[in-house]
Protein backbone atom coordinates (compact mmCIF):
# COMPACT_ATOMS: atom_id res chain seq x y z
CA MET A 1 243.71 138.62 175.81
CA ASN A 2 241.88 140.87 178.25
CA THR A 3 239.71 143.75 177.09
CA VAL A 4 238.89 147.02 178.80
CA CYS A 5 235.98 149.03 177.43
CA LEU A 6 236.20 152.73 178.25
CA LEU A 7 233.06 154.75 177.57
CA THR A 8 233.18 158.53 177.28
CA TYR A 9 230.90 161.44 176.61
CA ASN A 10 232.54 164.86 176.90
CA GLY A 11 235.23 163.33 179.09
CA GLU A 12 238.08 165.49 177.81
CA LYS A 13 239.02 166.43 181.36
CA PHE A 14 239.49 162.80 182.47
CA ILE A 15 240.16 160.63 179.43
CA LYS A 16 243.97 160.94 179.36
CA LYS A 17 244.25 160.01 183.03
CA SER A 18 241.88 157.08 182.52
CA ILE A 19 243.78 155.67 179.54
CA ASP A 20 247.17 156.23 181.16
CA SER A 21 245.99 154.46 184.30
CA ILE A 22 244.94 151.40 182.33
CA ILE A 23 248.23 151.33 180.43
CA GLU A 24 250.37 151.76 183.56
CA ASN A 25 248.54 149.28 185.77
CA TRP A 26 247.75 146.42 183.44
CA ASN A 27 250.07 143.43 183.42
CA GLY A 28 249.88 141.03 180.52
CA THR A 29 248.19 141.22 177.17
CA TYR A 30 245.27 143.60 176.86
CA GLU A 31 243.33 145.80 174.49
CA ILE A 32 241.40 148.97 175.18
CA ILE A 33 238.23 149.79 173.29
CA ILE A 34 237.22 153.42 173.72
CA VAL A 35 233.65 154.31 172.81
CA ASP A 36 233.13 158.02 172.24
CA ASP A 37 229.38 158.54 172.47
CA GLY A 38 229.08 161.67 170.35
CA SER A 39 231.24 164.00 172.45
CA ASP A 40 231.40 167.62 171.38
CA ASP A 41 234.68 168.26 173.19
CA LYS A 42 238.15 166.85 172.41
CA SER A 43 237.51 163.38 173.88
CA GLY A 44 237.36 161.71 170.47
CA SER A 45 240.54 163.30 169.14
CA ILE A 46 242.43 162.43 172.33
CA ALA A 47 241.29 158.82 172.04
CA GLU A 48 242.26 158.71 168.35
CA GLU A 49 245.73 160.00 169.21
CA TYR A 50 246.24 157.13 171.64
CA ALA A 51 244.98 154.67 169.02
CA LYS A 52 247.60 155.98 166.58
CA ASN A 53 250.37 155.37 169.11
CA TYR A 54 249.25 152.00 170.52
CA ASN A 55 248.30 149.03 168.36
CA ASN A 56 246.09 147.61 171.13
CA ILE A 57 243.84 150.67 171.53
CA PHE A 58 240.75 150.98 169.34
CA VAL A 59 238.17 153.77 169.08
CA ILE A 60 234.51 153.57 168.19
CA SER A 61 232.93 156.99 167.60
CA HIS A 62 229.24 157.78 167.46
CA ASN A 63 228.14 160.86 165.53
CA ALA A 64 225.51 161.72 168.15
CA ASN A 65 225.04 160.92 171.81
CA ARG A 66 223.11 157.65 171.93
CA LEU A 67 223.14 157.34 175.71
CA LEU A 68 224.36 153.78 175.18
CA PRO A 69 227.82 152.21 174.98
């Protein structure tokens, strides 16, 4: 299995396009791990919505911006 790690901090404007691009362009078995680094926009909720709809998408959420993945 291949893994894509997608890091975001206040990426609400771009996160849907990023996730959709991975889904549409990946051939084979994969998983996406989205790390929300304490965003105060809707990035985390958008990521969680994808995780609800895809069993190979996982979200890790930090409570505060740690400046690290």
